[in-house]
Amino acid sequence: MGQYFFLFILGLGIYLRINRGKTIDKFCNDYHNAIHSGNRIEALNLGRRYYSKTRSGFFGLSSGRLTIYDEQAITNDLSVMK
């Protein structure tokens, strides 16, 4: 019985990890598309969502708050927009 529970938890963890990666990839693509489109407001909002998602931890247990380094990276990306 304990083996099946362990396998279930392991499978659930793998599934969540794969799903989280797909979500982060989607946010990353949306952010870079907004940068290339030239829409600063949309790029700023999507950049904050993307970096927040990368800070959210494996099970989403950490706060997902942006760091000063995240804000600086977004600012650098916005500064090179046309």
PDB file of N, CA and C in Angstrom:
ATOM      1  N   MET A   1       0.822  -1.190   0.000  1.00  0.00           N
ATOM      2  CA  MET A   1       0.000   0.000   0.000  1.00  0.00           C
ATOM      3  C   MET A   1       0.868   1.258   0.000  1.00  0.00           C
ATOM      4  N   GLY A   2       1.924   1.264   0.812  1.00  0.00           N
ATOM      5  CA  GLY A   2       2.811   2.421   0.879  1.00  0.00           C
ATOM      6  C   GLY A   2       3.546   2.660  -0.423  1.00  0.00           C
ATOM      7  N   GLN A   3       3.819   1.574  -1.164  1.00  0.00           N
ATOM      8  CA  GLN A   3       4.514   1.705  -2.447  1.00  0.00           C
ATOM      9  C   GLN A   3       3.658   2.478  -3.442  1.00  0.00           C
ATOM     10  N   TYR A   4       2.377   2.177  -3.465  1.00  0.00           N
ATOM     11  CA  TYR A   4       1.476   2.831  -4.408  1.00  0.00           C
ATOM     12  C   TYR A   4       1.310   4.307  -4.081  1.00  0.00           C
ATOM     13  N   PHE A   5       1.262   4.611  -2.805  1.00  0.00           N
ATOM     14  CA  PHE A   5       1.163   6.003  -2.390  1.00  0.00           C
ATOM     15  C   PHE A   5       2.411   6.763  -2.826  1.00  0.00           C
ATOM     16  N   PHE A   6       3.569   6.147  -2.613  1.00  0.00           N
ATOM     17  CA  PHE A   6       4.832   6.768  -3.016  1.00  0.00           C
ATOM     18  C   PHE A   6       4.862   6.987  -4.526  1.00  0.00           C
ATOM     19  N   LEU A   7       4.442   6.000  -5.294  1.00  0.00           N
ATOM     20  CA  LEU A   7       4.425   6.137  -6.747  1.00  0.00           C
ATOM     21  C   LEU A   7       3.433   7.210  -7.195  1.00  0.00           C
ATOM     22  N   PHE A   8       2.304   7.300  -6.512  1.00  0.00           N
ATOM     23  CA  PHE A   8       1.323   8.339  -6.830  1.00  0.00           C
ATOM     24  C   PHE A   8       1.911   9.724  -6.590  1.00  0.00           C
ATOM     25  N   ILE A   9       2.548   9.909  -5.446  1.00  0.00           N
ATOM     26  CA  ILE A   9       3.151  11.204  -5.108  1.00  0.00           C
ATOM     27  C   ILE A   9       4.270  11.534  -6.088  1.00  0.00           C
ATOM     28  N   LEU A  10       5.078  10.550  -6.439  1.00  0.00           N
ATOM     29  CA  LEU A  10       6.153  10.761  -7.402  1.00  0.00           C
ATOM     30  C   LEU A  10       5.582  11.169  -8.766  1.00  0.00           C
ATOM     31  N   GLY A  11       4.568  10.458  -9.221  1.00  0.00           N
ATOM     32  CA  GLY A  11       3.934  10.791 -10.497  1.00  0.00           C
ATOM     33  C   GLY A  11       3.309  12.172 -10.483  1.00  0.00           C
ATOM     34  N   LEU A  12       2.665  12.514  -9.377  1.00  0.00           N
ATOM     35  CA  LEU A  12       2.057  13.835  -9.244  1.00  0.00           C
ATOM     36  C   LEU A  12       3.129  14.922  -9.293  1.00  0.00           C
ATOM     37  N   GLY A  13       4.238  14.698  -8.612  1.00  0.00           N
ATOM     38  CA  GLY A  13       5.332  15.670  -8.622  1.00  0.00           C
ATOM     39  C   GLY A  13       5.902  15.868 -10.013  1.00  0.00           C
ATOM     40  N   ILE A  14       6.076  14.788 -10.749  1.00  0.00           N
ATOM     41  CA  ILE A  14       6.595  14.889 -12.117  1.00  0.00           C
ATOM     42  C   ILE A  14       5.610  15.640 -13.002  1.00  0.00           C
ATOM     43  N   TYR A  15       4.333  15.320 -12.875  1.00  0.00           N
ATOM     44  CA  TYR A  15       3.314  16.002 -13.668  1.00  0.00           C
ATOM     45  C   TYR A  15       3.309  17.509 -13.379  1.00  0.00           C
ATOM     46  N   LEU A  16       3.343  17.878 -12.099  1.00  0.00           N
ATOM     47  CA  LEU A  16       3.325  19.293 -11.732  1.00  0.00           C
ATOM     48  C   LEU A  16       4.561  20.009 -12.239  1.00  0.00           C
ATOM     49  N   ARG A  17       5.697  19.340 -12.191  1.00  0.00           N
ATOM     50  CA  ARG A  17       6.945  19.943 -12.654  1.00  0.00           C
ATOM     51  C   ARG A  17       6.890  20.213 -14.164  1.00  0.00           C
ATOM     52  N   ILE A  18       6.389  19.267 -14.925  1.00  0.00           N
ATOM     53  CA  ILE A  18       6.277  19.435 -16.376  1.00  0.00           C
ATOM     54  C   ILE A  18       5.281  20.544 -16.697  1.00  0.00           C
ATOM     55  N   ASN A  19       4.149  20.555 -16.013  1.00  0.00           N
ATOM     56  CA  ASN A  19       3.125  21.565 -16.250  1.00  0.00           C
ATOM     57  C   ASN A  19       3.641  22.961 -15.904  1.00  0.00           C
ATOM     58  N   ARG A  20       4.403  23.080 -14.811  1.00  0.00           N
ATOM     59  CA  ARG A  20       4.964  24.367 -14.411  1.00  0.00           C
ATOM     60  C   ARG A  20       5.927  24.872 -15.474  1.00  0.00           C
ATOM     61  N   GLY A  21       6.731  23.960 -16.033  1.00  0.00           N
ATOM     62  CA  GLY A  21       7.665  24.361 -17.080  1.00  0.00           C
ATOM     63  C   GLY A  21       6.955  24.890 -18.308  1.00  0.00           C
ATOM     64  N   LYS A  22       5.856  24.267 -18.680  1.00  0.00           N
ATOM     65  CA  LYS A  22       5.087  24.728 -19.841  1.00  0.00           C
ATOM     66  C   LYS A  22       4.488  26.102 -19.571  1.00  0.00           C
ATOM     67  N   THR A  23       4.015  26.316 -18.353  1.00  0.00           N
ATOM     68  CA  THR A  23       3.436  27.612 -17.990  1.00  0.00           C
ATOM     69  C   THR A  23       4.488  28.706 -18.050  1.00  0.00           C
ATOM     70  N   ILE A  24       5.658  28.429 -17.513  1.00  0.00           N
ATOM     71  CA  ILE A  24       6.730  29.424 -17.532  1.00  0.00           C
ATOM     72  C   ILE A  24       7.163  29.712 -18.967  1.00  0.00           C
ATOM     73  N   ASP A  25       7.245  28.683 -19.795  1.00  0.00           N
ATOM     74  CA  ASP A  25       7.601  28.884 -21.202  1.00  0.00           C
ATOM     75  C   ASP A  25       6.584  29.776 -21.907  1.00  0.00           C
ATOM     76  N   LYS A  26       5.304  29.580 -21.602  1.00  0.00           N
ATOM     77  CA  LYS A  26       4.267  30.406 -22.216  1.00  0.00           C
ATOM     78  C   LYS A  26       4.425  31.867 -21.794  1.00  0.00           C
ATOM     79  N   PHE A  27       4.647  32.103 -20.494  1.00  0.00           N
ATOM     80  CA  PHE A  27       4.849  33.472 -20.019  1.00  0.00           C
ATOM     81  C   PHE A  27       6.089  34.095 -20.657  1.00  0.00           C
ATOM     82  N   CYS A  28       7.142  33.307 -20.808  1.00  0.00           N
ATOM     83  CA  CYS A  28       8.370  33.798 -21.422  1.00  0.00           C
ATOM     84  C   CYS A  28       8.121  34.198 -22.876  1.00  0.00           C
ATOM     85  N   ASN A  29       7.436  33.361 -23.627  1.00  0.00           N
ATOM     86  CA  ASN A  29       7.134  33.679 -25.024  1.00  0.00           C
ATOM     87  C   ASN A  29       6.259  34.918 -25.147  1.00  0.00           C
ATOM     88  N   ASP A  30       5.246  35.018 -24.298  1.00  0.00           N
ATOM     89  CA  ASP A  30       4.369  36.189 -24.325  1.00  0.00           C
ATOM     90  C   ASP A  30       5.152  37.461 -24.019  1.00  0.00           C
ATOM     91  N   TYR A  31       6.058  37.379 -23.044  1.00  0.00           N
ATOM     92  CA  TYR A  31       6.876  38.531 -22.647  1.00  0.00           C
ATOM     93  C   TYR A  31       7.775  38.971 -23.796  1.00  0.00           C
ATOM     94  N   HIS A  32       8.450  38.042 -24.434  1.00  0.00           N
ATOM     95  CA  HIS A  32       9.354  38.397 -25.531  1.00  0.00           C
ATOM     96  C   HIS A  32       8.583  38.891 -26.755  1.00  0.00           C
ATOM     97  N   ASN A  33       7.415  38.358 -26.992  1.00  0.00           N
ATOM     98  CA  ASN A  33       6.583  38.860 -28.091  1.00  0.00           C
ATOM     99  C   ASN A  33       6.147  40.300 -27.837  1.00  0.00           C
ATOM    100  N   ALA A  34       5.827  40.612 -26.583  1.00  0.00           N
ATOM    101  CA  ALA A  34       5.432  41.983 -26.239  1.00  0.00           C
ATOM    102  C   ALA A  34       6.614  42.936 -26.402  1.00  0.00           C
ATOM    103  N   ILE A  35       7.806  42.485 -26.064  1.00  0.00           N
ATOM    104  CA  ILE A  35       8.996  43.325 -26.243  1.00  0.00           C
ATOM    105  C   ILE A  35       9.210  43.613 -27.726  1.00  0.00           C
ATOM    106  N   HIS A  36       9.084  42.594 -28.545  1.00  0.00           N
ATOM    107  CA  HIS A  36       9.303  42.770 -29.977  1.00  0.00           C
ATOM    108  C   HIS A  36       8.195  43.575 -30.643  1.00  0.00           C
ATOM    109  N   SER A  37       6.998  43.580 -30.050  1.00  0.00           N
ATOM    110  CA  SER A  37       5.896  44.346 -30.635  1.00  0.00           C
ATOM    111  C   SER A  37       6.026  45.838 -30.337  1.00  0.00           C
ATOM    112  N   GLY A  38       6.786  46.186 -29.293  1.00  0.00           N
ATOM    113  CA  GLY A  38       6.979  47.588 -28.953  1.00  0.00           C
ATOM    114  C   GLY A  38       5.978  48.131 -27.957  1.00  0.00           C
ATOM    115  N   ASN A  39       5.112  47.302 -27.433  1.00  0.00           N
ATOM    116  CA  ASN A  39       4.110  47.735 -26.464  1.00  0.00           C
ATOM    117  C   ASN A  39       4.718  47.684 -25.058  1.00  0.00           C
ATOM    118  N   ARG A  40       5.148  48.843 -24.551  1.00  0.00           N
ATOM    119  CA  ARG A  40       5.857  48.897 -23.267  1.00  0.00           C
ATOM    120  C   ARG A  40       4.982  48.490 -22.076  1.00  0.00           C
ATOM    121  N   ILE A  41       3.753  48.932 -22.065  1.00  0.00           N
ATOM    122  CA  ILE A  41       2.881  48.634 -20.924  1.00  0.00           C
ATOM    123  C   ILE A  41       2.605  47.135 -20.851  1.00  0.00           C
ATOM    124  N   GLU A  42       2.296  46.545 -21.996  1.00  0.00           N
ATOM    125  CA  GLU A  42       2.046  45.107 -22.019  1.00  0.00           C
ATOM    126  C   GLU A  42       3.317  44.332 -21.661  1.00  0.00           C
ATOM    127  N   ALA A  43       4.460  44.780 -22.172  1.00  0.00           N
ATOM    128  CA  ALA A  43       5.728  44.112 -21.868  1.00  0.00           C
ATOM    129  C   ALA A  43       6.052  44.210 -20.379  1.00  0.00           C
ATOM    130  N   LEU A  44       5.787  45.353 -19.774  1.00  0.00           N
ATOM    131  CA  LEU A  44       6.033  45.517 -18.343  1.00  0.00           C
ATOM    132  C   LEU A  44       5.160  44.563 -17.529  1.00  0.00           C
ATOM    133  N   ASN A  45       3.876  44.518 -17.844  1.00  0.00           N
ATOM    134  CA  ASN A  45       2.964  43.634 -17.108  1.00  0.00           C
ATOM    135  C   ASN A  45       3.322  42.163 -17.303  1.00  0.00           C
ATOM    136  N   LEU A  46       3.597  41.768 -18.548  1.00  0.00           N
ATOM    137  CA  LEU A  46       3.949  40.379 -18.813  1.00  0.00           C
ATOM    138  C   LEU A  46       5.303  40.019 -18.218  1.00  0.00           C
ATOM    139  N   GLY A  47       6.233  40.961 -18.218  1.00  0.00           N
ATOM    140  CA  GLY A  47       7.539  40.722 -17.606  1.00  0.00           C
ATOM    141  C   GLY A  47       7.418  40.475 -16.116  1.00  0.00           C
ATOM    142  N   ARG A  48       6.592  41.259 -15.466  1.00  0.00           N
ATOM    143  CA  ARG A  48       6.385  41.052 -14.024  1.00  0.00           C
ATOM    144  C   ARG A  48       5.699  39.720 -13.736  1.00  0.00           C
ATOM    145  N   ARG A  49       4.740  39.347 -14.576  1.00  0.00           N
ATOM    146  CA  ARG A  49       4.082  38.041 -14.386  1.00  0.00           C
ATOM    147  C   ARG A  49       5.065  36.903 -14.615  1.00  0.00           C
ATOM    148  N   TYR A  50       5.899  37.036 -15.648  1.00  0.00           N
ATOM    149  CA  TYR A  50       6.876  35.993 -15.967  1.00  0.00           C
ATOM    150  C   TYR A  50       7.876  35.812 -14.826  1.00  0.00           C
ATOM    151  N   TYR A  51       8.485  36.904 -14.377  1.00  0.00           N
ATOM    152  CA  TYR A  51       9.478  36.797 -13.310  1.00  0.00           C
ATOM    153  C   TYR A  51       8.843  36.354 -11.997  1.00  0.00           C
ATOM    154  N   SER A  52       7.620  36.771 -11.751  1.00  0.00           N
ATOM    155  CA  SER A  52       6.916  36.321 -10.555  1.00  0.00           C
ATOM    156  C   SER A  52       6.689  34.816 -10.598  1.00  0.00           C
ATOM    157  N   LYS A  53       6.335  34.304 -11.768  1.00  0.00           N
ATOM    158  CA  LYS A  53       6.096  32.866 -11.913  1.00  0.00           C
ATOM    159  C   LYS A  53       7.391  32.080 -11.714  1.00  0.00           C
ATOM    160  N   THR A  54       8.519  32.627 -12.153  1.00  0.00           N
ATOM    161  CA  THR A  54       9.785  31.919 -11.962  1.00  0.00           C
ATOM    162  C   THR A  54      10.209  31.909 -10.497  1.00  0.00           C
ATOM    163  N   ARG A  55       9.678  32.827  -9.697  1.00  0.00           N
ATOM    164  CA  ARG A  55      10.009  32.894  -8.270  1.00  0.00           C
ATOM    165  C   ARG A  55       9.017  32.127  -7.398  1.00  0.00           C
ATOM    166  N   SER A  56       8.040  31.458  -7.995  1.00  0.00           N
ATOM    167  CA  SER A  56       6.960  30.877  -7.203  1.00  0.00           C
ATOM    168  C   SER A  56       7.293  29.522  -6.590  1.00  0.00           C
ATOM    169  N   GLY A  57       8.439  28.942  -6.869  1.00  0.00           N
ATOM    170  CA  GLY A  57       8.819  27.680  -6.250  1.00  0.00           C
ATOM    171  C   GLY A  57       8.186  26.479  -6.908  1.00  0.00           C
ATOM    172  N   PHE A  58       8.589  25.296  -6.479  1.00  0.00           N
ATOM    173  CA  PHE A  58       8.170  24.050  -7.120  1.00  0.00           C
ATOM    174  C   PHE A  58       6.669  23.831  -7.023  1.00  0.00           C
ATOM    175  N   PHE A  59       6.112  23.917  -5.840  1.00  0.00           N
ATOM    176  CA  PHE A  59       4.676  23.716  -5.652  1.00  0.00           C
ATOM    177  C   PHE A  59       3.934  25.031  -5.510  1.00  0.00           C
ATOM    178  N   GLY A  60       4.598  26.133  -5.832  1.00  0.00           N
ATOM    179  CA  GLY A  60       3.966  27.439  -5.689  1.00  0.00           C
ATOM    180  C   GLY A  60       3.883  27.884  -4.242  1.00  0.00           C
ATOM    181  N   LEU A  61       4.779  27.346  -3.398  1.00  0.00           N
ATOM    182  CA  LEU A  61       4.709  27.640  -1.973  1.00  0.00           C
ATOM    183  C   LEU A  61       5.401  28.941  -1.606  1.00  0.00           C
ATOM    184  N   SER A  62       6.390  29.361  -2.379  1.00  0.00           N
ATOM    185  CA  SER A  62       7.048  30.615  -2.043  1.00  0.00           C
ATOM    186  C   SER A  62       6.223  31.777  -2.574  1.00  0.00           C
ATOM    187  N   SER A  63       6.611  32.968  -2.206  1.00  0.00           N
ATOM    188  CA  SER A  63       5.761  34.135  -2.422  1.00  0.00           C
ATOM    189  C   SER A  63       5.603  34.544  -3.882  1.00  0.00           C
ATOM    190  N   GLY A  64       6.612  34.311  -4.693  1.00  0.00           N
ATOM    191  CA  GLY A  64       6.541  34.768  -6.076  1.00  0.00           C
ATOM    192  C   GLY A  64       6.776  36.260  -6.200  1.00  0.00           C
ATOM    193  N   ARG A  65       7.334  36.867  -5.175  1.00  0.00           N
ATOM    194  CA  ARG A  65       7.614  38.301  -5.226  1.00  0.00           C
ATOM    195  C   ARG A  65       8.822  38.573  -6.099  1.00  0.00           C
ATOM    196  N   LEU A  66       8.762  39.691  -6.796  1.00  0.00           N
ATOM    197  CA  LEU A  66       9.869  40.092  -7.644  1.00  0.00           C
ATOM    198  C   LEU A  66      11.004  40.632  -6.793  1.00  0.00           C
ATOM    199  N   THR A  67      12.215  40.370  -7.234  1.00  0.00           N
ATOM    200  CA  THR A  67      13.380  40.935  -6.569  1.00  0.00           C
ATOM    201  C   THR A  67      13.794  42.199  -7.303  1.00  0.00           C
ATOM    202  N   ILE A  68      14.706  42.935  -6.730  1.00  0.00           N
ATOM    203  CA  ILE A  68      15.224  44.133  -7.378  1.00  0.00           C
ATOM    204  C   ILE A  68      15.939  43.756  -8.678  1.00  0.00           C
ATOM    205  N   TYR A  69      16.511  42.563  -8.700  1.00  0.00           N
ATOM    206  CA  TYR A  69      17.206  42.099  -9.904  1.00  0.00           C
ATOM    207  C   TYR A  69      16.217  41.791 -11.029  1.00  0.00           C
ATOM    208  N   ASP A  70      15.052  41.288 -10.659  1.00  0.00           N
ATOM    209  CA  ASP A  70      14.010  41.047 -11.659  1.00  0.00           C
ATOM    210  C   ASP A  70      13.541  42.364 -12.266  1.00  0.00           C
ATOM    211  N   GLU A  71      13.291  43.340 -11.414  1.00  0.00           N
ATOM    212  CA  GLU A  71      12.846  44.651 -11.896  1.00  0.00           C
ATOM    213  C   GLU A  71      13.914  45.286 -12.786  1.00  0.00           C
ATOM    214  N   GLN A  72      15.177  45.104 -12.424  1.00  0.00           N
ATOM    215  CA  GLN A  72      16.256  45.656 -13.235  1.00  0.00           C
ATOM    216  C   GLN A  72      16.333  44.964 -14.590  1.00  0.00           C
ATOM    217  N   ALA A  73      16.128  43.655 -14.610  1.00  0.00           N
ATOM    218  CA  ALA A  73      16.139  42.922 -15.883  1.00  0.00           C
ATOM    219  C   ALA A  73      15.003  43.397 -16.790  1.00  0.00           C
ATOM    220  N   ILE A  74      13.836  43.619 -16.205  1.00  0.00           N
ATOM    221  CA  ILE A  74      12.698  44.119 -16.991  1.00  0.00           C
ATOM    222  C   ILE A  74      13.002  45.519 -17.516  1.00  0.00           C
ATOM    223  N   THR A  75      13.573  46.367 -16.668  1.00  0.00           N
ATOM    224  CA  THR A  75      13.935  47.723 -17.079  1.00  0.00           C
ATOM    225  C   THR A  75      14.940  47.691 -18.221  1.00  0.00           C
ATOM    226  N   ASN A  76      15.921  46.795 -18.123  1.00  0.00           N
ATOM    227  CA  ASN A  76      16.911  46.680 -19.206  1.00  0.00           C
ATOM    228  C   ASN A  76      16.242  46.231 -20.500  1.00  0.00           C
ATOM    229  N   ASP A  77      15.314  45.298 -20.410  1.00  0.00           N
ATOM    230  CA  ASP A  77      14.616  44.838 -21.618  1.00  0.00           C
ATOM    231  C   ASP A  77      13.776  45.959 -22.229  1.00  0.00           C
ATOM    232  N   LEU A  78      13.120  46.731 -21.385  1.00  0.00           N
ATOM    233  CA  LEU A  78      12.285  47.838 -21.888  1.00  0.00           C
ATOM    234  C   LEU A  78      13.128  48.953 -22.480  1.00  0.00           C
ATOM    235  N   SER A  79      14.339  49.126 -21.971  1.00  0.00           N
ATOM    236  CA  SER A  79      15.183  50.221 -22.454  1.00  0.00           C
ATOM    237  C   SER A  79      15.679  50.001 -23.877  1.00  0.00           C
ATOM    238  N   VAL A  80      15.728  48.771 -24.340  1.00  0.00           N
ATOM    239  CA  VAL A  80      16.196  48.501 -25.693  1.00  0.00           C
ATOM    240  C   VAL A  80      15.047  48.426 -26.695  1.00  0.00           C
ATOM    241  N   MET A  81      13.823  48.630 -26.230  1.00  0.00           N
ATOM    242  CA  MET A  81      12.688  48.619 -27.142  1.00  0.00           C
ATOM    243  C   MET A  81      12.707  49.871 -27.999  1.00  0.00           C
ATOM    244  N   LYS A  82      12.171  49.747 -29.199  1.00  0.00           N
ATOM    245  CA  LYS A  82      12.110  50.894 -30.118  1.00  0.00           C
ATOM    246  C   LYS A  82      10.917  51.754 -29.814  1.00  0.00           C
TER     247      LYS A  82
END
